[in-house]
N, C-alpha and C. Protein backbone atom coordinates (compact mmCIF):
# COMPACT_ATOMS: atom_id res chain seq x y z
N MET A 1 12.34 1.73 -23.50
CA MET A 1 11.55 1.28 -22.38
C MET A 1 12.20 0.03 -21.79
N ALA A 2 12.26 -0.02 -20.49
CA ALA A 2 12.90 -1.14 -19.80
C ALA A 2 12.06 -2.40 -19.92
N ASP A 3 12.72 -3.53 -19.97
CA ASP A 3 12.05 -4.81 -20.03
C ASP A 3 12.16 -5.45 -18.65
N TYR A 4 11.10 -5.32 -17.84
CA TYR A 4 11.11 -5.87 -16.49
C TYR A 4 10.71 -7.32 -16.54
N ARG A 5 11.49 -8.15 -15.89
CA ARG A 5 11.19 -9.57 -15.84
C ARG A 5 10.53 -9.88 -14.51
N ARG A 6 9.44 -10.55 -14.59
CA ARG A 6 8.70 -10.95 -13.41
C ARG A 6 8.73 -12.47 -13.31
N SER A 7 8.73 -12.95 -12.10
CA SER A 7 8.68 -14.38 -11.88
C SER A 7 7.28 -14.88 -12.18
N HIS A 8 7.18 -15.99 -12.85
CA HIS A 8 5.88 -16.59 -13.14
C HIS A 8 5.90 -18.02 -12.63
N LEU A 9 5.56 -18.16 -11.36
CA LEU A 9 5.59 -19.45 -10.69
C LEU A 9 4.17 -19.81 -10.27
N PRO A 10 3.52 -20.73 -10.99
CA PRO A 10 2.17 -21.13 -10.60
C PRO A 10 2.15 -21.62 -9.15
N GLY A 11 1.17 -21.12 -8.40
CA GLY A 11 1.06 -21.50 -7.00
C GLY A 11 2.10 -20.86 -6.10
N GLY A 12 2.85 -19.91 -6.65
CA GLY A 12 3.92 -19.28 -5.90
C GLY A 12 3.42 -18.33 -4.82
N THR A 13 4.33 -18.03 -3.91
CA THR A 13 4.08 -17.03 -2.88
C THR A 13 4.97 -15.84 -3.20
N PHE A 14 4.38 -14.65 -3.14
CA PHE A 14 5.07 -13.44 -3.55
C PHE A 14 4.98 -12.37 -2.48
N PHE A 15 6.10 -11.70 -2.25
CA PHE A 15 6.17 -10.53 -1.38
C PHE A 15 6.13 -9.32 -2.30
N LEU A 16 5.16 -8.43 -2.07
CA LEU A 16 4.96 -7.28 -2.94
C LEU A 16 4.95 -6.00 -2.11
N THR A 17 5.53 -4.95 -2.67
CA THR A 17 5.48 -3.62 -2.06
C THR A 17 4.90 -2.66 -3.08
N LEU A 18 3.81 -2.01 -2.71
CA LEU A 18 3.16 -1.01 -3.55
C LEU A 18 3.30 0.34 -2.84
N VAL A 19 3.72 1.35 -3.58
CA VAL A 19 4.02 2.66 -3.00
C VAL A 19 3.13 3.71 -3.65
N THR A 20 2.67 4.66 -2.85
CA THR A 20 1.86 5.74 -3.39
C THR A 20 2.73 6.71 -4.18
N HIS A 21 2.10 7.43 -5.08
CA HIS A 21 2.80 8.41 -5.91
C HIS A 21 3.45 9.48 -5.03
N HIS A 22 4.74 9.69 -5.24
CA HIS A 22 5.52 10.66 -4.46
C HIS A 22 5.44 10.40 -2.96
N ARG A 23 5.18 9.16 -2.60
CA ARG A 23 5.08 8.76 -1.19
C ARG A 23 4.04 9.60 -0.43
N THR A 24 3.00 10.01 -1.11
CA THR A 24 1.92 10.76 -0.47
C THR A 24 1.25 9.88 0.59
N PRO A 25 1.05 10.38 1.80
CA PRO A 25 0.49 9.55 2.88
C PRO A 25 -1.03 9.36 2.75
N VAL A 26 -1.44 8.77 1.67
CA VAL A 26 -2.86 8.56 1.34
C VAL A 26 -3.56 7.72 2.41
N PHE A 27 -2.86 6.71 2.92
CA PHE A 27 -3.49 5.75 3.82
C PHE A 27 -3.51 6.22 5.28
N ARG A 28 -3.34 7.49 5.50
CA ARG A 28 -3.62 8.07 6.82
C ARG A 28 -5.11 8.28 6.99
N GLN A 29 -5.82 8.28 5.89
CA GLN A 29 -7.26 8.53 5.89
C GLN A 29 -8.03 7.20 5.92
N PRO A 30 -8.95 7.05 6.85
CA PRO A 30 -9.72 5.80 6.92
C PRO A 30 -10.46 5.47 5.62
N ILE A 31 -10.90 6.48 4.90
CA ILE A 31 -11.59 6.21 3.63
C ILE A 31 -10.68 5.49 2.64
N ALA A 32 -9.40 5.82 2.67
CA ALA A 32 -8.44 5.17 1.78
C ALA A 32 -8.17 3.73 2.22
N ILE A 33 -8.08 3.50 3.51
CA ILE A 33 -7.91 2.14 4.04
C ILE A 33 -9.11 1.29 3.62
N ASN A 34 -10.31 1.84 3.77
CA ASN A 34 -11.52 1.10 3.39
C ASN A 34 -11.57 0.82 1.89
N ALA A 35 -11.11 1.78 1.09
CA ALA A 35 -11.06 1.58 -0.36
C ALA A 35 -10.11 0.45 -0.71
N LEU A 36 -8.97 0.40 -0.04
CA LEU A 36 -8.00 -0.67 -0.28
C LEU A 36 -8.58 -2.02 0.12
N ARG A 37 -9.21 -2.07 1.28
CA ARG A 37 -9.83 -3.33 1.73
C ARG A 37 -10.86 -3.82 0.72
N ALA A 38 -11.70 -2.91 0.25
CA ALA A 38 -12.72 -3.28 -0.72
C ALA A 38 -12.09 -3.77 -2.03
N ALA A 39 -11.02 -3.11 -2.44
CA ALA A 39 -10.32 -3.52 -3.66
C ALA A 39 -9.72 -4.92 -3.50
N LEU A 40 -9.10 -5.18 -2.36
CA LEU A 40 -8.54 -6.51 -2.12
C LEU A 40 -9.63 -7.57 -2.17
N ARG A 41 -10.77 -7.31 -1.53
CA ARG A 41 -11.88 -8.28 -1.56
C ARG A 41 -12.38 -8.51 -2.98
N ARG A 42 -12.54 -7.42 -3.72
CA ARG A 42 -13.07 -7.53 -5.09
C ARG A 42 -12.12 -8.32 -5.99
N VAL A 43 -10.85 -8.02 -5.92
CA VAL A 43 -9.87 -8.73 -6.75
C VAL A 43 -9.80 -10.19 -6.35
N ARG A 44 -9.84 -10.46 -5.05
CA ARG A 44 -9.73 -11.84 -4.58
C ARG A 44 -10.94 -12.69 -5.02
N GLN A 45 -12.09 -12.07 -5.18
CA GLN A 45 -13.27 -12.80 -5.66
C GLN A 45 -13.07 -13.28 -7.10
N ARG A 46 -12.52 -12.42 -7.92
CA ARG A 46 -12.35 -12.76 -9.35
C ARG A 46 -11.05 -13.53 -9.62
N TYR A 47 -10.01 -13.16 -8.90
CA TYR A 47 -8.69 -13.78 -9.06
C TYR A 47 -8.22 -14.24 -7.68
N PRO A 48 -8.59 -15.43 -7.28
CA PRO A 48 -8.32 -15.89 -5.92
C PRO A 48 -6.83 -15.86 -5.56
N PHE A 49 -6.58 -15.62 -4.29
CA PHE A 49 -5.26 -15.72 -3.69
C PHE A 49 -5.43 -15.78 -2.19
N VAL A 50 -4.42 -16.29 -1.53
CA VAL A 50 -4.39 -16.30 -0.07
C VAL A 50 -3.56 -15.11 0.37
N LEU A 51 -4.13 -14.28 1.20
CA LEU A 51 -3.41 -13.13 1.74
C LEU A 51 -2.74 -13.59 3.03
N ASP A 52 -1.48 -13.99 2.91
CA ASP A 52 -0.74 -14.54 4.04
C ASP A 52 -0.34 -13.47 5.04
N GLY A 53 -0.09 -12.27 4.56
CA GLY A 53 0.30 -11.17 5.44
C GLY A 53 0.15 -9.85 4.73
N VAL A 54 -0.18 -8.82 5.49
CA VAL A 54 -0.33 -7.49 4.92
C VAL A 54 -0.09 -6.46 6.01
N VAL A 55 0.49 -5.35 5.61
CA VAL A 55 0.59 -4.18 6.47
C VAL A 55 0.40 -2.96 5.57
N VAL A 56 -0.41 -2.03 6.04
CA VAL A 56 -0.68 -0.81 5.29
C VAL A 56 -0.13 0.35 6.10
N LEU A 57 0.84 1.04 5.55
CA LEU A 57 1.43 2.23 6.16
C LEU A 57 0.92 3.45 5.41
N PRO A 58 1.15 4.66 5.90
CA PRO A 58 0.58 5.84 5.24
C PRO A 58 0.91 5.97 3.76
N ASP A 59 2.11 5.57 3.35
CA ASP A 59 2.53 5.80 1.96
C ASP A 59 2.90 4.54 1.19
N HIS A 60 2.72 3.38 1.78
CA HIS A 60 2.99 2.14 1.06
C HIS A 60 2.37 0.96 1.79
N LEU A 61 2.35 -0.17 1.11
CA LEU A 61 1.87 -1.38 1.75
C LEU A 61 2.70 -2.55 1.28
N HIS A 62 2.74 -3.56 2.14
CA HIS A 62 3.42 -4.82 1.83
C HIS A 62 2.37 -5.92 1.85
N LEU A 63 2.44 -6.78 0.86
CA LEU A 63 1.55 -7.93 0.77
C LEU A 63 2.40 -9.19 0.64
N LEU A 64 1.97 -10.22 1.29
CA LEU A 64 2.55 -11.54 1.12
C LEU A 64 1.38 -12.42 0.70
N LEU A 65 1.39 -12.85 -0.56
CA LEU A 65 0.24 -13.60 -1.05
C LEU A 65 0.67 -14.85 -1.80
N THR A 66 -0.21 -15.84 -1.74
CA THR A 66 0.01 -17.12 -2.40
C THR A 66 -1.08 -17.34 -3.43
N LEU A 67 -0.68 -17.72 -4.62
CA LEU A 67 -1.61 -17.94 -5.73
C LEU A 67 -2.07 -19.39 -5.78
N PRO A 68 -3.19 -19.65 -6.46
CA PRO A 68 -3.63 -21.04 -6.67
C PRO A 68 -2.57 -21.82 -7.45
N THR A 69 -2.60 -23.13 -7.31
CA THR A 69 -1.55 -23.98 -7.88
C THR A 69 -1.42 -23.87 -9.40
N ASP A 70 -2.47 -23.49 -10.09
CA ASP A 70 -2.43 -23.42 -11.55
C ASP A 70 -2.34 -21.98 -12.07
N ASP A 71 -1.98 -21.05 -11.21
CA ASP A 71 -2.03 -19.63 -11.55
C ASP A 71 -0.73 -18.94 -11.15
N ALA A 72 -0.18 -18.15 -12.07
CA ALA A 72 1.05 -17.40 -11.79
C ALA A 72 0.87 -15.90 -12.02
N ASP A 73 -0.36 -15.47 -12.21
CA ASP A 73 -0.63 -14.10 -12.66
C ASP A 73 -0.82 -13.10 -11.51
N PHE A 74 0.24 -12.84 -10.76
CA PHE A 74 0.13 -11.81 -9.72
C PHE A 74 0.14 -10.40 -10.31
N PRO A 75 0.76 -10.13 -11.49
CA PRO A 75 0.72 -8.77 -12.02
C PRO A 75 -0.70 -8.25 -12.27
N THR A 76 -1.59 -9.13 -12.73
CA THR A 76 -2.98 -8.70 -12.93
C THR A 76 -3.61 -8.33 -11.60
N ARG A 77 -3.35 -9.10 -10.59
CA ARG A 77 -3.89 -8.81 -9.26
C ARG A 77 -3.40 -7.45 -8.76
N VAL A 78 -2.12 -7.20 -8.90
CA VAL A 78 -1.57 -5.91 -8.45
C VAL A 78 -2.22 -4.76 -9.23
N ARG A 79 -2.30 -4.91 -10.54
CA ARG A 79 -2.90 -3.87 -11.37
C ARG A 79 -4.33 -3.58 -10.95
N LEU A 80 -5.10 -4.64 -10.69
CA LEU A 80 -6.50 -4.46 -10.31
C LEU A 80 -6.66 -3.92 -8.89
N ILE A 81 -5.79 -4.31 -7.99
CA ILE A 81 -5.82 -3.74 -6.63
C ILE A 81 -5.60 -2.23 -6.71
N LYS A 82 -4.61 -1.82 -7.47
CA LYS A 82 -4.34 -0.39 -7.64
C LYS A 82 -5.53 0.31 -8.31
N TYR A 83 -6.03 -0.30 -9.37
CA TYR A 83 -7.13 0.30 -10.13
C TYR A 83 -8.38 0.48 -9.25
N HIS A 84 -8.80 -0.57 -8.58
CA HIS A 84 -10.03 -0.49 -7.79
C HIS A 84 -9.87 0.41 -6.57
N THR A 85 -8.69 0.46 -6.00
CA THR A 85 -8.47 1.40 -4.89
C THR A 85 -8.61 2.83 -5.40
N SER A 86 -7.98 3.12 -6.52
CA SER A 86 -8.05 4.46 -7.10
C SER A 86 -9.47 4.85 -7.47
N ARG A 87 -10.21 3.90 -8.03
CA ARG A 87 -11.60 4.18 -8.44
C ARG A 87 -12.50 4.53 -7.26
N ARG A 88 -12.19 4.00 -6.10
CA ARG A 88 -12.99 4.26 -4.91
C ARG A 88 -12.59 5.58 -4.23
N LEU A 89 -11.57 6.22 -4.75
CA LEU A 89 -11.10 7.49 -4.18
C LEU A 89 -11.08 8.57 -5.25
N PRO A 90 -12.21 8.88 -5.85
CA PRO A 90 -12.22 9.81 -6.99
C PRO A 90 -11.84 11.24 -6.63
N THR A 91 -11.95 11.61 -5.36
CA THR A 91 -11.62 12.99 -4.98
C THR A 91 -10.12 13.20 -4.78
N MET A 92 -9.36 12.11 -4.72
CA MET A 92 -7.91 12.24 -4.55
C MET A 92 -7.26 12.58 -5.88
N GLN A 93 -6.26 13.41 -5.80
CA GLN A 93 -5.54 13.85 -6.99
C GLN A 93 -4.79 12.66 -7.60
N PRO A 94 -5.10 12.30 -8.85
CA PRO A 94 -4.35 11.22 -9.48
C PRO A 94 -2.95 11.68 -9.87
N PRO A 95 -2.03 10.78 -10.05
CA PRO A 95 -2.15 9.36 -9.81
C PRO A 95 -2.01 9.04 -8.32
N LEU A 96 -2.63 7.96 -7.92
CA LEU A 96 -2.56 7.51 -6.53
C LEU A 96 -1.30 6.69 -6.28
N TRP A 97 -0.88 5.93 -7.28
CA TRP A 97 0.21 4.96 -7.10
C TRP A 97 1.44 5.29 -7.94
N GLN A 98 2.59 4.85 -7.45
CA GLN A 98 3.77 4.81 -8.31
C GLN A 98 3.48 3.78 -9.41
N ARG A 99 4.11 3.96 -10.55
CA ARG A 99 3.81 3.09 -11.70
C ARG A 99 4.25 1.64 -11.48
N ARG A 100 5.32 1.43 -10.82
CA ARG A 100 5.83 0.07 -10.66
C ARG A 100 5.69 -0.38 -9.22
N TYR A 101 6.18 -1.58 -8.94
CA TYR A 101 6.11 -2.13 -7.59
C TYR A 101 7.26 -3.11 -7.42
N TRP A 102 7.56 -3.41 -6.17
CA TRP A 102 8.61 -4.36 -5.85
C TRP A 102 7.98 -5.74 -5.69
N GLU A 103 8.64 -6.73 -6.26
CA GLU A 103 8.15 -8.10 -6.18
C GLU A 103 9.31 -9.03 -5.86
N HIS A 104 9.06 -9.99 -4.99
CA HIS A 104 10.04 -11.01 -4.66
C HIS A 104 9.31 -12.34 -4.58
N THR A 105 9.84 -13.35 -5.25
CA THR A 105 9.28 -14.69 -5.17
C THR A 105 9.84 -15.38 -3.93
N VAL A 106 8.97 -15.81 -3.06
CA VAL A 106 9.39 -16.48 -1.82
C VAL A 106 9.88 -17.87 -2.18
N ARG A 107 11.10 -18.17 -1.71
CA ARG A 107 11.78 -19.40 -2.11
C ARG A 107 11.43 -20.63 -1.29
N ASP A 108 11.26 -20.44 0.02
CA ASP A 108 11.05 -21.59 0.89
C ASP A 108 10.42 -21.12 2.20
N GLY A 109 10.27 -22.05 3.13
CA GLY A 109 9.63 -21.73 4.41
C GLY A 109 10.37 -20.67 5.21
N GLU A 110 11.67 -20.73 5.21
CA GLU A 110 12.47 -19.73 5.95
C GLU A 110 12.32 -18.35 5.32
N ASP A 111 12.35 -18.29 4.00
CA ASP A 111 12.16 -17.02 3.30
C ASP A 111 10.76 -16.47 3.58
N PHE A 112 9.76 -17.34 3.62
CA PHE A 112 8.39 -16.93 3.96
C PHE A 112 8.35 -16.32 5.35
N ARG A 113 8.94 -17.01 6.33
CA ARG A 113 8.93 -16.52 7.72
C ARG A 113 9.61 -15.16 7.82
N ARG A 114 10.74 -15.01 7.16
CA ARG A 114 11.45 -13.73 7.20
C ARG A 114 10.61 -12.60 6.62
N HIS A 115 9.95 -12.87 5.50
CA HIS A 115 9.13 -11.83 4.89
C HIS A 115 7.89 -11.52 5.71
N LEU A 116 7.30 -12.54 6.32
CA LEU A 116 6.15 -12.29 7.18
C LEU A 116 6.56 -11.46 8.40
N ASP A 117 7.71 -11.78 8.98
CA ASP A 117 8.23 -10.96 10.09
C ASP A 117 8.47 -9.52 9.62
N TYR A 118 9.04 -9.37 8.45
CA TYR A 118 9.31 -8.04 7.90
C TYR A 118 8.01 -7.25 7.76
N VAL A 119 6.98 -7.89 7.20
CA VAL A 119 5.68 -7.23 7.05
C VAL A 119 5.19 -6.75 8.41
N HIS A 120 5.20 -7.63 9.39
CA HIS A 120 4.62 -7.30 10.69
C HIS A 120 5.45 -6.31 11.50
N TYR A 121 6.73 -6.30 11.29
CA TYR A 121 7.59 -5.38 12.06
C TYR A 121 7.75 -4.02 11.38
N ASN A 122 7.29 -3.88 10.16
CA ASN A 122 7.52 -2.67 9.38
C ASN A 122 7.03 -1.38 10.03
N PRO A 123 5.87 -1.34 10.69
CA PRO A 123 5.46 -0.08 11.34
C PRO A 123 6.43 0.39 12.42
N VAL A 124 7.08 -0.55 13.08
CA VAL A 124 8.08 -0.19 14.09
C VAL A 124 9.33 0.36 13.40
N ARG A 125 9.77 -0.29 12.35
CA ARG A 125 10.95 0.17 11.61
C ARG A 125 10.79 1.59 11.11
N HIS A 126 9.56 1.95 10.73
CA HIS A 126 9.29 3.30 10.23
C HIS A 126 8.99 4.29 11.34
N GLY A 127 8.98 3.85 12.59
CA GLY A 127 8.79 4.75 13.71
C GLY A 127 7.35 5.14 14.00
N TYR A 128 6.38 4.40 13.46
CA TYR A 128 4.97 4.73 13.71
C TYR A 128 4.49 4.23 15.07
N VAL A 129 5.04 3.12 15.54
CA VAL A 129 4.66 2.55 16.82
C VAL A 129 5.90 1.92 17.47
N ARG A 130 5.80 1.61 18.76
CA ARG A 130 6.90 0.96 19.46
C ARG A 130 6.78 -0.57 19.40
N MET A 131 5.55 -1.05 19.29
CA MET A 131 5.28 -2.49 19.26
C MET A 131 4.47 -2.81 17.99
N PRO A 132 4.79 -3.87 17.29
CA PRO A 132 4.02 -4.22 16.09
C PRO A 132 2.52 -4.35 16.34
N GLU A 133 2.14 -4.84 17.50
CA GLU A 133 0.72 -5.02 17.84
C GLU A 133 -0.03 -3.69 17.89
N ASP A 134 0.69 -2.60 18.10
CA ASP A 134 0.04 -1.29 18.23
C ASP A 134 -0.42 -0.72 16.89
N TRP A 135 0.04 -1.30 15.78
CA TRP A 135 -0.35 -0.80 14.46
C TRP A 135 -1.66 -1.47 14.04
N PRO A 136 -2.71 -0.71 13.77
CA PRO A 136 -4.02 -1.32 13.50
C PRO A 136 -4.16 -1.96 12.12
N TYR A 137 -3.35 -1.55 11.15
CA TYR A 137 -3.54 -2.00 9.77
C TYR A 137 -2.53 -3.06 9.39
N SER A 138 -2.60 -4.17 10.12
CA SER A 138 -1.64 -5.25 9.95
C SER A 138 -2.32 -6.60 10.16
N SER A 139 -1.85 -7.59 9.43
CA SER A 139 -2.36 -8.95 9.63
C SER A 139 -1.79 -9.59 10.89
N LEU A 140 -0.91 -8.91 11.59
CA LEU A 140 -0.34 -9.46 12.82
C LEU A 140 -1.43 -9.83 13.81
N HIS A 141 -2.46 -9.03 13.92
CA HIS A 141 -3.54 -9.30 14.87
C HIS A 141 -4.21 -10.64 14.57
N ARG A 142 -4.44 -10.90 13.30
CA ARG A 142 -5.01 -12.18 12.87
C ARG A 142 -4.03 -13.32 13.16
N ALA A 143 -2.76 -13.08 12.92
CA ALA A 143 -1.74 -14.11 13.15
C ALA A 143 -1.62 -14.44 14.64
N ILE A 144 -1.73 -13.46 15.50
CA ILE A 144 -1.69 -13.70 16.95
C ILE A 144 -2.92 -14.51 17.36
N ALA A 145 -4.09 -14.14 16.84
CA ALA A 145 -5.32 -14.87 17.17
C ALA A 145 -5.24 -16.34 16.73
N ARG A 146 -4.52 -16.61 15.66
CA ARG A 146 -4.36 -17.98 15.17
C ARG A 146 -3.22 -18.73 15.85
N GLY A 147 -2.50 -18.06 16.73
CA GLY A 147 -1.39 -18.69 17.45
C GLY A 147 -0.09 -18.75 16.68
N LEU A 148 0.02 -18.00 15.57
CA LEU A 148 1.25 -17.99 14.78
C LEU A 148 2.33 -17.11 15.39
N TYR A 149 1.92 -16.11 16.16
CA TYR A 149 2.83 -15.22 16.87
C TYR A 149 2.35 -15.09 18.30
N PRO A 150 3.28 -14.95 19.24
CA PRO A 150 2.85 -14.72 20.62
C PRO A 150 2.49 -13.25 20.83
N ARG A 151 1.64 -12.99 21.79
CA ARG A 151 1.37 -11.60 22.17
C ARG A 151 2.67 -10.94 22.59
N GLY A 152 2.86 -9.70 22.21
CA GLY A 152 4.07 -8.98 22.56
C GLY A 152 5.23 -9.23 21.61
N TRP A 153 4.99 -10.00 20.53
CA TRP A 153 6.06 -10.26 19.57
C TRP A 153 6.61 -8.94 19.05
N GLY A 154 7.90 -8.88 18.92
CA GLY A 154 8.54 -7.69 18.38
C GLY A 154 9.07 -6.75 19.44
N ALA A 155 8.78 -7.01 20.70
CA ALA A 155 9.26 -6.13 21.76
C ALA A 155 10.77 -6.25 21.94
N SER A 156 11.29 -7.43 21.79
CA SER A 156 12.73 -7.64 21.97
C SER A 156 13.22 -8.64 20.93
N GLU A 157 13.01 -8.29 19.68
CA GLU A 157 13.39 -9.20 18.61
C GLU A 157 14.86 -9.02 18.23
N PRO A 158 15.44 -10.01 17.60
CA PRO A 158 16.84 -9.92 17.17
C PRO A 158 17.05 -8.78 16.17
N ASP A 159 18.28 -8.34 16.06
CA ASP A 159 18.62 -7.26 15.13
C ASP A 159 18.18 -7.55 13.70
N THR A 160 18.16 -8.81 13.31
CA THR A 160 17.78 -9.12 11.93
C THR A 160 16.36 -8.70 11.62
N ILE A 161 15.47 -8.76 12.60
CA ILE A 161 14.09 -8.32 12.39
C ILE A 161 14.00 -6.80 12.50
N ARG A 162 14.63 -6.23 13.51
CA ARG A 162 14.54 -4.78 13.71
C ARG A 162 15.11 -4.00 12.53
N THR A 163 16.19 -4.47 11.96
CA THR A 163 16.84 -3.73 10.88
C THR A 163 16.40 -4.18 9.50
N GLY A 164 15.83 -5.37 9.40
CA GLY A 164 15.45 -5.89 8.09
C GLY A 164 16.66 -6.34 7.30
N ARG A 165 17.80 -6.57 7.94
CA ARG A 165 19.03 -6.92 7.22
C ARG A 165 19.19 -8.41 7.04
N TRP A 166 18.10 -9.12 6.91
CA TRP A 166 18.17 -10.56 6.69
C TRP A 166 18.18 -10.90 5.22
N ARG A 167 17.98 -9.90 4.38
CA ARG A 167 17.96 -10.18 2.93
C ARG A 167 19.35 -10.54 2.44
N GLU A 168 19.38 -11.43 1.51
CA GLU A 168 20.68 -11.86 0.96
C GLU A 168 20.92 -11.23 -0.38
């Protein structure tokens, strides 16, 4: 069995990707989106975190979250998000999720900005919409309302955002 090493940084910000089993487009169904939302709320009540950014696509989702200063336990949060989402969808054929997930510890403000842009531009990269604002299951709408992004962001962004090739 592989020994996966996870970053344990109290108060850290983490970029996470959770994928459905066999990339099944579970989140095309509103009931699944609602189950995920309820799971996120439930987990956040017991294990607080700031949801800095999120996008839900039919077969995967990206989360950018920040933990409390004395807490480094994002694996428990991921496990419980998956568990509670699955529990709310009993009619779906299990398993709902791939066993593992992608995790990246955000290093600094620039890394945070790049990952937040990646989250918000992801529906365009996958060909679901032409403009990031057109995707309903994204925190971009909240970010625009808060003045963090201008309306129309993503219409003519640099290649680094469109391709996602900013990773080092």
